[in-house]
Amino acid sequence: YQVTRGDGPRAHVFPEGKANLWVTLVPK
């Protein structure tokens, strides 16, 4: 699982808002 800082046009400074959450599950 990971979080990224959110969505926004390409700019080095932070966008406002909460992170995007990704999760993956694979057999192992």
PDB file of all heavy atoms in Angstrom:
ATOM      1  N   TYR A   1       0.847  -1.196   0.000  1.00  0.00           N
ATOM      2  CA  TYR A   1       0.000   0.000   0.000  1.00  0.00           C
ATOM      3  C   TYR A   1       0.880   1.242   0.000  1.00  0.00           C
ATOM      4  O   TYR A   1       2.002   1.242   0.523  1.00  0.00           O
ATOM      5  CB  TYR A   1      -0.972   0.005   1.180  1.00  0.00           C
ATOM      6  CG  TYR A   1      -0.412  -0.408   2.516  1.00  0.00           C
ATOM      7  CD1 TYR A   1      -0.071   0.516   3.497  1.00  0.00           C
ATOM      8  CD2 TYR A   1      -0.263  -1.763   2.829  1.00  0.00           C
ATOM      9  CE1 TYR A   1       0.416   0.132   4.724  1.00  0.00           C
ATOM     10  CE2 TYR A   1       0.225  -2.164   4.057  1.00  0.00           C
ATOM     11  CZ  TYR A   1       0.565  -1.215   5.004  1.00  0.00           C
ATOM     12  OH  TYR A   1       1.048  -1.609   6.235  1.00  0.00           O
ATOM     13  N   GLN A   2       0.359   2.303  -0.623  1.00  0.00           N
ATOM     14  CA  GLN A   2       1.107   3.558  -0.700  1.00  0.00           C
ATOM     15  C   GLN A   2       0.136   4.728  -0.680  1.00  0.00           C
ATOM     16  O   GLN A   2      -1.045   4.596  -1.017  1.00  0.00           O
ATOM     17  CB  GLN A   2       1.968   3.616  -1.959  1.00  0.00           C
ATOM     18  CG  GLN A   2       1.204   3.723  -3.256  1.00  0.00           C
ATOM     19  CD  GLN A   2       2.115   3.775  -4.487  1.00  0.00           C
ATOM     20  OE1 GLN A   2       3.156   3.131  -4.537  1.00  0.00           O
ATOM     21  NE2 GLN A   2       1.717   4.538  -5.486  1.00  0.00           N
ATOM     22  N   VAL A   3       0.663   5.871  -0.261  1.00  0.00           N
ATOM     23  CA  VAL A   3      -0.066   7.129  -0.422  1.00  0.00           C
ATOM     24  C   VAL A   3       0.789   8.081  -1.237  1.00  0.00           C
ATOM     25  O   VAL A   3       2.011   8.133  -1.070  1.00  0.00           O
ATOM     26  CB  VAL A   3      -0.443   7.802   0.920  1.00  0.00           C
ATOM     27  CG1 VAL A   3      -1.617   7.118   1.575  1.00  0.00           C
ATOM     28  CG2 VAL A   3       0.736   7.883   1.859  1.00  0.00           C
ATOM     29  N   THR A   4       0.140   8.800  -2.141  1.00  0.00           N
ATOM     30  CA  THR A   4       0.809   9.866  -2.879  1.00  0.00           C
ATOM     31  C   THR A   4       0.169  11.187  -2.490  1.00  0.00           C
ATOM     32  O   THR A   4      -0.954  11.217  -1.982  1.00  0.00           O
ATOM     33  CB  THR A   4       0.712   9.635  -4.395  1.00  0.00           C
ATOM     34  OG1 THR A   4      -0.669   9.600  -4.782  1.00  0.00           O
ATOM     35  CG2 THR A   4       1.368   8.316  -4.770  1.00  0.00           C
ATOM     36  N   ARG A   5       0.871  12.280  -2.735  1.00  0.00           N
ATOM     37  CA  ARG A   5       0.464  13.547  -2.148  1.00  0.00           C
ATOM     38  C   ARG A   5      -0.838  14.100  -2.720  1.00  0.00           C
ATOM     39  O   ARG A   5      -1.363  15.097  -2.241  1.00  0.00           O
ATOM     40  CB  ARG A   5       1.592  14.571  -2.301  1.00  0.00           C
ATOM     41  CG  ARG A   5       1.482  15.724  -1.306  1.00  0.00           C
ATOM     42  CD  ARG A   5       2.618  16.715  -1.468  1.00  0.00           C
ATOM     43  NE  ARG A   5       3.917  16.136  -1.194  1.00  0.00           N
ATOM     44  CZ  ARG A   5       4.450  16.025   0.024  1.00  0.00           C
ATOM     45  NH1 ARG A   5       3.776  16.444   1.073  1.00  0.00           N
ATOM     46  NH2 ARG A   5       5.631  15.486   0.186  1.00  0.00           N
ATOM     47  N   GLY A   6      -1.393  13.476  -3.720  1.00  0.00           N
ATOM     48  CA  GLY A   6      -2.664  13.923  -4.281  1.00  0.00           C
ATOM     49  C   GLY A   6      -2.542  14.210  -5.762  1.00  0.00           C
ATOM     50  O   GLY A   6      -1.569  13.807  -6.415  1.00  0.00           O
ATOM     51  N   ASP A   7      -3.531  14.873  -6.301  1.00  0.00           N
ATOM     52  CA  ASP A   7      -3.565  15.232  -7.719  1.00  0.00           C
ATOM     53  C   ASP A   7      -3.278  16.715  -7.899  1.00  0.00           C
ATOM     54  O   ASP A   7      -3.542  17.521  -7.011  1.00  0.00           O
ATOM     55  CB  ASP A   7      -4.942  14.952  -8.322  1.00  0.00           C
ATOM     56  CG  ASP A   7      -5.314  13.487  -8.287  1.00  0.00           C
ATOM     57  OD1 ASP A   7      -4.407  12.658  -8.102  1.00  0.00           O
ATOM     58  OD2 ASP A   7      -6.504  13.183  -8.444  1.00  0.00           O
ATOM     59  N   GLY A   8      -2.792  17.056  -9.081  1.00  0.00           N
ATOM     60  CA  GLY A   8      -2.623  18.465  -9.414  1.00  0.00           C
ATOM     61  C   GLY A   8      -1.727  18.640 -10.614  1.00  0.00           C
ATOM     62  O   GLY A   8      -0.960  17.728 -10.964  1.00  0.00           O
ATOM     63  N   PRO A   9      -1.815  19.791 -11.296  1.00  0.00           N
ATOM     64  CA  PRO A   9      -0.897  20.076 -12.399  1.00  0.00           C
ATOM     65  C   PRO A   9       0.546  19.977 -11.907  1.00  0.00           C
ATOM     66  O   PRO A   9       0.830  20.184 -10.730  1.00  0.00           O
ATOM     67  CB  PRO A   9      -1.261  21.512 -12.794  1.00  0.00           C
ATOM     68  CG  PRO A   9      -2.640  21.716 -12.275  1.00  0.00           C
ATOM     69  CD  PRO A   9      -2.737  20.904 -11.029  1.00  0.00           C
ATOM     70  N   ARG A  10       1.450  19.686 -12.816  1.00  0.00           N
ATOM     71  CA  ARG A  10       2.839  19.491 -12.421  1.00  0.00           C
ATOM     72  C   ARG A  10       3.417  20.779 -11.845  1.00  0.00           C
ATOM     73  O   ARG A  10       3.601  21.778 -12.551  1.00  0.00           O
ATOM     74  CB  ARG A  10       3.690  19.021 -13.599  1.00  0.00           C
ATOM     75  CG  ARG A  10       5.093  18.583 -13.177  1.00  0.00           C
ATOM     76  CD  ARG A  10       5.953  18.165 -14.357  1.00  0.00           C
ATOM     77  NE  ARG A  10       7.209  17.595 -13.909  1.00  0.00           N
ATOM     78  CZ  ARG A  10       8.262  18.316 -13.496  1.00  0.00           C
ATOM     79  NH1 ARG A  10       8.187  19.646 -13.478  1.00  0.00           N
ATOM     80  NH2 ARG A  10       9.364  17.723 -13.086  1.00  0.00           N
ATOM     81  N   ALA A  11       3.704  20.751 -10.548  1.00  0.00           N
ATOM     82  CA  ALA A  11       4.326  21.874  -9.836  1.00  0.00           C
ATOM     83  C   ALA A  11       5.010  21.295  -8.616  1.00  0.00           C
ATOM     84  O   ALA A  11       4.476  20.396  -7.964  1.00  0.00           O
ATOM     85  CB  ALA A  11       3.284  22.911  -9.430  1.00  0.00           C
ATOM     86  N   HIS A  12       6.200  21.803  -8.311  1.00  0.00           N
ATOM     87  CA  HIS A  12       6.961  21.217  -7.213  1.00  0.00           C
ATOM     88  C   HIS A  12       6.319  21.466  -5.855  1.00  0.00           C
ATOM     89  O   HIS A  12       6.439  20.638  -4.958  1.00  0.00           O
ATOM     90  CB  HIS A  12       8.394  21.755  -7.225  1.00  0.00           C
ATOM     91  CG  HIS A  12       9.236  21.174  -8.328  1.00  0.00           C
ATOM     92  ND1 HIS A  12       9.058  21.504  -9.651  1.00  0.00           N
ATOM     93  CD2 HIS A  12      10.254  20.282  -8.298  1.00  0.00           C
ATOM     94  CE1 HIS A  12       9.938  20.836 -10.391  1.00  0.00           C
ATOM     95  NE2 HIS A  12      10.675  20.086  -9.590  1.00  0.00           N
ATOM     96  N   VAL A  13       5.658  22.597  -5.668  1.00  0.00           N
ATOM     97  CA  VAL A  13       5.035  22.889  -4.373  1.00  0.00           C
ATOM     98  C   VAL A  13       3.831  21.975  -4.174  1.00  0.00           C
ATOM     99  O   VAL A  13       3.235  21.479  -5.131  1.00  0.00           O
ATOM    100  CB  VAL A  13       4.612  24.365  -4.279  1.00  0.00           C
ATOM    101  CG1 VAL A  13       5.832  25.273  -4.332  1.00  0.00           C
ATOM    102  CG2 VAL A  13       3.640  24.740  -5.398  1.00  0.00           C
ATOM    103  N   PHE A  14       3.467  21.782  -2.892  1.00  0.00           N
ATOM    104  CA  PHE A  14       2.410  20.829  -2.572  1.00  0.00           C
ATOM    105  C   PHE A  14       1.046  21.318  -3.052  1.00  0.00           C
ATOM    106  O   PHE A  14       0.717  22.499  -2.880  1.00  0.00           O
ATOM    107  CB  PHE A  14       2.291  20.630  -1.052  1.00  0.00           C
ATOM    108  CG  PHE A  14       3.521  20.120  -0.369  1.00  0.00           C
ATOM    109  CD1 PHE A  14       3.567  20.066   1.018  1.00  0.00           C
ATOM    110  CD2 PHE A  14       4.628  19.677  -1.072  1.00  0.00           C
ATOM    111  CE1 PHE A  14       4.678  19.591   1.689  1.00  0.00           C
ATOM    112  CE2 PHE A  14       5.753  19.199  -0.428  1.00  0.00           C
ATOM    113  CZ  PHE A  14       5.776  19.164   0.961  1.00  0.00           C
ATOM    114  N   PRO A  15       0.192  20.435  -3.561  1.00  0.00           N
ATOM    115  CA  PRO A  15      -1.219  20.783  -3.764  1.00  0.00           C
ATOM    116  C   PRO A  15      -1.958  20.685  -2.434  1.00  0.00           C
ATOM    117  O   PRO A  15      -1.486  20.053  -1.487  1.00  0.00           O
ATOM    118  CB  PRO A  15      -1.710  19.700  -4.732  1.00  0.00           C
ATOM    119  CG  PRO A  15      -0.861  18.518  -4.396  1.00  0.00           C
ATOM    120  CD  PRO A  15       0.490  19.065  -4.009  1.00  0.00           C
ATOM    121  N   GLU A  16      -3.111  21.300  -2.339  1.00  0.00           N
ATOM    122  CA  GLU A  16      -3.917  21.189  -1.133  1.00  0.00           C
ATOM    123  C   GLU A  16      -4.688  19.872  -1.155  1.00  0.00           C
ATOM    124  O   GLU A  16      -4.950  19.295  -2.199  1.00  0.00           O
ATOM    125  CB  GLU A  16      -4.900  22.363  -1.034  1.00  0.00           C
ATOM    126  CG  GLU A  16      -4.215  23.711  -0.854  1.00  0.00           C
ATOM    127  CD  GLU A  16      -5.217  24.844  -0.687  1.00  0.00           C
ATOM    128  OE1 GLU A  16      -6.433  24.555  -0.688  1.00  0.00           O
ATOM    129  OE2 GLU A  16      -4.792  25.995  -0.559  1.00  0.00           O
ATOM    130  N   GLY A  17      -5.059  19.389   0.035  1.00  0.00           N
ATOM    131  CA  GLY A  17      -5.879  18.193   0.110  1.00  0.00           C
ATOM    132  C   GLY A  17      -5.134  16.985   0.629  1.00  0.00           C
ATOM    133  O   GLY A  17      -3.910  16.999   0.811  1.00  0.00           O
ATOM    134  N   LYS A  18      -5.889  15.902   0.835  1.00  0.00           N
ATOM    135  CA  LYS A  18      -5.326  14.675   1.380  1.00  0.00           C
ATOM    136  C   LYS A  18      -4.717  13.809   0.286  1.00  0.00           C
ATOM    137  O   LYS A  18      -4.903  14.055  -0.899  1.00  0.00           O
ATOM    138  CB  LYS A  18      -6.407  13.919   2.137  1.00  0.00           C
ATOM    139  CG  LYS A  18      -6.902  14.636   3.387  1.00  0.00           C
ATOM    140  CD  LYS A  18      -7.896  13.787   4.167  1.00  0.00           C
ATOM    141  CE  LYS A  18      -8.352  14.501   5.434  1.00  0.00           C
ATOM    142  NZ  LYS A  18      -9.321  13.684   6.213  1.00  0.00           N
ATOM    143  N   ALA A  19      -4.030  12.785   0.742  1.00  0.00           N
ATOM    144  CA  ALA A  19      -3.299  11.905  -0.162  1.00  0.00           C
ATOM    145  C   ALA A  19      -4.232  10.956  -0.907  1.00  0.00           C
ATOM    146  O   ALA A  19      -5.371  10.720  -0.513  1.00  0.00           O
ATOM    147  CB  ALA A  19      -2.274  11.109   0.632  1.00  0.00           C
ATOM    148  N   ASN A  20      -3.708  10.382  -1.999  1.00  0.00           N
ATOM    149  CA  ASN A  20      -4.363   9.285  -2.705  1.00  0.00           C
ATOM    150  C   ASN A  20      -3.835   7.970  -2.128  1.00  0.00           C
ATOM    151  O   ASN A  20      -2.629   7.795  -1.972  1.00  0.00           O
ATOM    152  CB  ASN A  20      -4.053   9.327  -4.200  1.00  0.00           C
ATOM    153  CG  ASN A  20      -4.655  10.538  -4.883  1.00  0.00           C
ATOM    154  OD1 ASN A  20      -5.752  10.976  -4.518  1.00  0.00           O
ATOM    155  ND2 ASN A  20      -3.957  11.088  -5.863  1.00  0.00           N
ATOM    156  N   LEU A  21      -4.735   7.041  -1.851  1.00  0.00           N
ATOM    157  CA  LEU A  21      -4.366   5.754  -1.274  1.00  0.00           C
ATOM    158  C   LEU A  21      -4.474   4.662  -2.330  1.00  0.00           C
ATOM    159  O   LEU A  21      -5.509   4.509  -2.970  1.00  0.00           O
ATOM    160  CB  LEU A  21      -5.274   5.418  -0.088  1.00  0.00           C
ATOM    161  CG  LEU A  21      -5.045   4.049   0.570  1.00  0.00           C
ATOM    162  CD1 LEU A  21      -3.655   3.954   1.178  1.00  0.00           C
ATOM    163  CD2 LEU A  21      -6.119   3.783   1.625  1.00  0.00           C
ATOM    164  N   TRP A  22      -3.381   3.926  -2.501  1.00  0.00           N
ATOM    165  CA  TRP A  22      -3.321   2.775  -3.403  1.00  0.00           C
ATOM    166  C   TRP A  22      -3.096   1.520  -2.571  1.00  0.00           C
ATOM    167  O   TRP A  22      -2.339   1.535  -1.600  1.00  0.00           O
ATOM    168  CB  TRP A  22      -2.139   2.874  -4.361  1.00  0.00           C
ATOM    169  CG  TRP A  22      -1.875   4.141  -5.097  1.00  0.00           C
ATOM    170  CD1 TRP A  22      -2.050   5.429  -4.668  1.00  0.00           C
ATOM    171  CD2 TRP A  22      -1.321   4.248  -6.408  1.00  0.00           C
ATOM    172  NE1 TRP A  22      -1.646   6.318  -5.628  1.00  0.00           N
ATOM    173  CE2 TRP A  22      -1.191   5.620  -6.709  1.00  0.00           C
ATOM    174  CE3 TRP A  22      -0.917   3.302  -7.357  1.00  0.00           C
ATOM    175  CZ2 TRP A  22      -0.676   6.067  -7.923  1.00  0.00           C
ATOM    176  CZ3 TRP A  22      -0.405   3.749  -8.566  1.00  0.00           C
ATOM    177  CH2 TRP A  22      -0.294   5.115  -8.848  1.00  0.00           C
ATOM    178  N   VAL A  23      -3.696   0.399  -2.969  1.00  0.00           N
ATOM    179  CA  VAL A  23      -3.439  -0.896  -2.340  1.00  0.00           C
ATOM    180  C   VAL A  23      -3.382  -1.953  -3.435  1.00  0.00           C
ATOM    181  O   VAL A  23      -4.180  -1.914  -4.381  1.00  0.00           O
ATOM    182  CB  VAL A  23      -4.539  -1.283  -1.315  1.00  0.00           C
ATOM    183  CG1 VAL A  23      -4.181  -2.599  -0.618  1.00  0.00           C
ATOM    184  CG2 VAL A  23      -4.768  -0.184  -0.292  1.00  0.00           C
ATOM    185  N   THR A  24      -2.456  -2.899  -3.320  1.00  0.00           N
ATOM    186  CA  THR A  24      -2.443  -4.057  -4.210  1.00  0.00           C
ATOM    187  C   THR A  24      -2.273  -5.321  -3.379  1.00  0.00           C
ATOM    188  O   THR A  24      -1.595  -5.317  -2.340  1.00  0.00           O
ATOM    189  CB  THR A  24      -1.316  -3.992  -5.263  1.00  0.00           C
ATOM    190  OG1 THR A  24      -0.042  -4.045  -4.617  1.00  0.00           O
ATOM    191  CG2 THR A  24      -1.410  -2.717  -6.085  1.00  0.00           C
ATOM    192  N   LEU A  25      -2.881  -6.394  -3.853  1.00  0.00           N
ATOM    193  CA  LEU A  25      -2.758  -7.702  -3.220  1.00  0.00           C
ATOM    194  C   LEU A  25      -2.519  -8.745  -4.296  1.00  0.00           C
ATOM    195  O   LEU A  25      -3.280  -8.820  -5.276  1.00  0.00           O
ATOM    196  CB  LEU A  25      -4.038  -8.054  -2.453  1.00  0.00           C
ATOM    197  CG  LEU A  25      -4.167  -7.453  -1.041  1.00  0.00           C
ATOM    198  CD1 LEU A  25      -5.615  -7.409  -0.606  1.00  0.00           C
ATOM    199  CD2 LEU A  25      -3.350  -8.270  -0.058  1.00  0.00           C
ATOM    200  N   VAL A  26      -1.449  -9.524  -4.149  1.00  0.00           N
ATOM    201  CA  VAL A  26      -1.131 -10.591  -5.106  1.00  0.00           C
ATOM    202  C   VAL A  26      -0.765 -11.850  -4.313  1.00  0.00           C
ATOM    203  O   VAL A  26      -0.256 -11.765  -3.197  1.00  0.00           O
ATOM    204  CB  VAL A  26       0.030 -10.197  -6.041  1.00  0.00           C
ATOM    205  CG1 VAL A  26      -0.342  -8.986  -6.887  1.00  0.00           C
ATOM    206  CG2 VAL A  26       1.306  -9.919  -5.248  1.00  0.00           C
ATOM    207  N   PRO A  27      -1.014 -13.032  -4.869  1.00  0.00           N
ATOM    208  CA  PRO A  27      -0.680 -14.268  -4.161  1.00  0.00           C
ATOM    209  C   PRO A  27       0.830 -14.394  -3.904  1.00  0.00           C
ATOM    210  O   PRO A  27       1.642 -14.102  -4.765  1.00  0.00           O
ATOM    211  CB  PRO A  27      -1.165 -15.366  -5.117  1.00  0.00           C
ATOM    212  CG  PRO A  27      -2.202 -14.715  -5.965  1.00  0.00           C
ATOM    213  CD  PRO A  27      -1.729 -13.298  -6.134  1.00  0.00           C
ATOM    214  N   LYS A  28       1.173 -14.842  -2.713  1.00  0.00           N
ATOM    215  CA  LYS A  28       2.579 -15.104  -2.380  1.00  0.00           C
ATOM    216  C   LYS A  28       2.632 -15.931  -1.105  1.00  0.00           C
ATOM    217  O   LYS A  28       1.891 -15.661  -0.160  1.00  0.00           O
ATOM    218  CB  LYS A  28       3.377 -13.819  -2.180  1.00  0.00           C
ATOM    219  CG  LYS A  28       4.852 -14.055  -1.825  1.00  0.00           C
ATOM    220  CD  LYS A  28       5.623 -12.767  -1.656  1.00  0.00           C
ATOM    221  CE  LYS A  28       7.044 -13.017  -1.159  1.00  0.00           C
ATOM    222  NZ  LYS A  28       7.849 -13.823  -2.105  1.00  0.00           N
TER     223      LYS A  28
END
